[in-house]
Protein backbone atom coordinates (compact mmCIF):
# COMPACT_ATOMS: atom_id res chain seq x y z
CA MET A 1 113.19 -42.23 19.21
CA PRO A 2 111.01 -42.24 16.07
CA THR A 3 112.26 -44.90 13.39
CA LEU A 4 110.68 -45.43 9.69
CA GLY A 5 108.96 -48.88 9.17
CA PRO A 6 107.87 -49.85 5.70
CA ASN A 7 104.89 -47.35 5.42
CA HIS A 8 105.03 -45.54 8.82
CA LEU A 9 106.83 -43.70 11.32
CA THR A 10 107.27 -46.10 14.46
CA LYS A 11 107.33 -44.57 17.94
CA ARG A 12 109.62 -45.85 20.40
CA SER A 13 108.78 -45.99 24.02
CA PRO A 14 111.61 -44.08 25.82
CA THR A 15 112.00 -46.77 28.52
CA THR A 16 112.18 -49.95 27.11
CA GLY A 17 112.79 -49.01 23.33
CA ALA A 18 109.86 -51.16 22.38
CA PRO A 19 107.10 -49.70 19.67
CA VAL A 20 104.40 -48.15 21.78
CA SER A 21 101.21 -50.25 21.95
CA GLU A 22 97.91 -48.99 20.63
CA ALA A 23 96.69 -48.31 24.04
CA GLY A 24 99.91 -46.60 24.58
CA LEU A 25 99.54 -44.36 21.90
CA ARG A 26 96.03 -43.68 22.35
CA SER A 27 97.09 -42.35 25.96
CA LEU A 28 99.76 -40.58 24.58
CA PHE A 29 97.52 -38.73 22.05
CA ARG A 30 94.82 -37.90 24.83
CA ARG A 31 97.47 -36.52 26.93
CA HIS A 32 98.67 -34.52 24.49
CA ARG A 33 94.88 -33.23 23.32
CA GLU A 34 94.15 -32.36 26.94
CA LEU A 35 97.42 -30.50 27.31
CA SER A 36 96.88 -28.24 24.20
CA GLY A 37 93.19 -27.90 24.65
CA ALA A 38 92.44 -29.41 21.17
CA THR A 39 89.41 -31.22 22.26
CA ARG A 40 88.01 -31.89 18.79
CA VAL A 41 91.18 -33.61 17.49
CA ARG A 42 91.19 -36.67 16.64
CA PRO A 43 93.69 -39.37 15.28
CA HIS A 44 91.93 -39.92 12.33
CA ARG A 45 91.24 -36.17 11.94
CA LEU A 46 95.22 -35.82 11.68
CA ARG A 47 95.52 -38.77 8.99
CA HIS A 48 93.11 -36.16 6.36
CA THR A 49 95.17 -33.29 7.60
CA TYR A 50 98.46 -35.17 6.56
CA GLY A 51 97.18 -36.54 3.37
CA THR A 52 96.25 -32.77 2.46
CA GLU A 53 98.79 -31.12 3.59
CA LEU A 54 101.30 -33.48 1.52
CA ALA A 55 99.06 -33.29 -1.35
CA SER A 56 98.84 -29.37 -1.11
CA ALA A 57 102.93 -29.40 -0.91
CA GLY A 58 102.73 -31.35 -4.68
CA ILE A 59 103.64 -34.70 -3.38
CA ASP A 60 102.77 -37.54 -6.13
CA LEU A 61 99.68 -39.24 -5.31
CA LEU A 62 100.96 -42.79 -5.68
CA ALA A 63 103.66 -41.71 -3.29
CA LEU A 64 101.41 -40.29 -0.53
CA ARG A 65 99.18 -43.75 -1.20
CA ALA A 66 102.22 -45.56 -0.03
CA LEU A 67 103.04 -43.43 2.50
CA MET A 68 99.32 -43.82 4.22
CA GLY A 69 99.44 -47.79 3.56
CA HIS A 70 96.48 -47.49 0.86
CA ALA A 71 96.03 -50.53 -1.32
CA SER A 72 93.76 -47.65 -4.09
CA PRO A 73 94.90 -44.35 -4.99
CA GLU A 74 91.04 -44.14 -4.83
CA THR A 75 91.04 -44.70 -1.31
CA THR A 76 94.05 -42.06 -0.94
CA ALA A 77 91.72 -39.61 -2.81
CA ARG A 78 89.20 -39.40 -0.20
CA TYR A 79 91.73 -37.75 2.20
CA VAL A 80 92.64 -35.14 0.25
CA HIS A 81 90.78 -31.94 0.88
CA LEU A 82 91.49 -28.96 -1.43
CA SER A 83 90.62 -25.61 -1.25
CA VAL A 84 88.55 -23.60 -3.56
CA GLU A 85 92.17 -21.53 -3.75
CA GLN A 86 93.78 -24.74 -4.69
CA LEU A 87 91.36 -25.73 -7.03
CA ALA A 88 91.71 -22.33 -8.79
CA ALA A 89 95.07 -22.44 -8.90
CA GLU A 90 95.18 -26.01 -10.40
CA TYR A 91 92.80 -24.95 -13.12
CA GLY A 92 94.79 -21.68 -14.22
CA ALA A 93 98.12 -23.56 -14.36
CA ALA A 94 96.36 -25.96 -16.78
CA ARG A 95 94.96 -23.54 -18.86
CA ALA A 96 98.46 -21.80 -18.99
CA THR A 97 100.27 -24.83 -20.33
CA LEU A 98 97.29 -25.79 -22.80
CA ALA A 99 97.19 -22.18 -24.17
CA GLY A 100 101.27 -22.83 -24.61
CA VAL A 101 100.66 -25.85 -26.22
CA ALA A 102 97.67 -24.68 -28.69
CA ARG A 103 100.41 -21.92 -29.89
């Protein structure tokens, strides 16, 4: 069963209960990638997806920084990829807020 570490989730071996090694995790990932047919997926790409999805859900970027284990918010920002629609929505919300303040 996974456990929450200081900055990450730790997958434990079902047989020994010890944390899964890097090689074990690589093997597990490769196996599931082959079973799913998602051959272009790589662990680091999932990291970018994780950052983008949490940012899109509205998580505070400093909280995201801590979850991703980054020392700098600038590093975290490189992991967040916003769509044109998300940028337009943020811009519209900011304009609405500014219009309300100007009254």
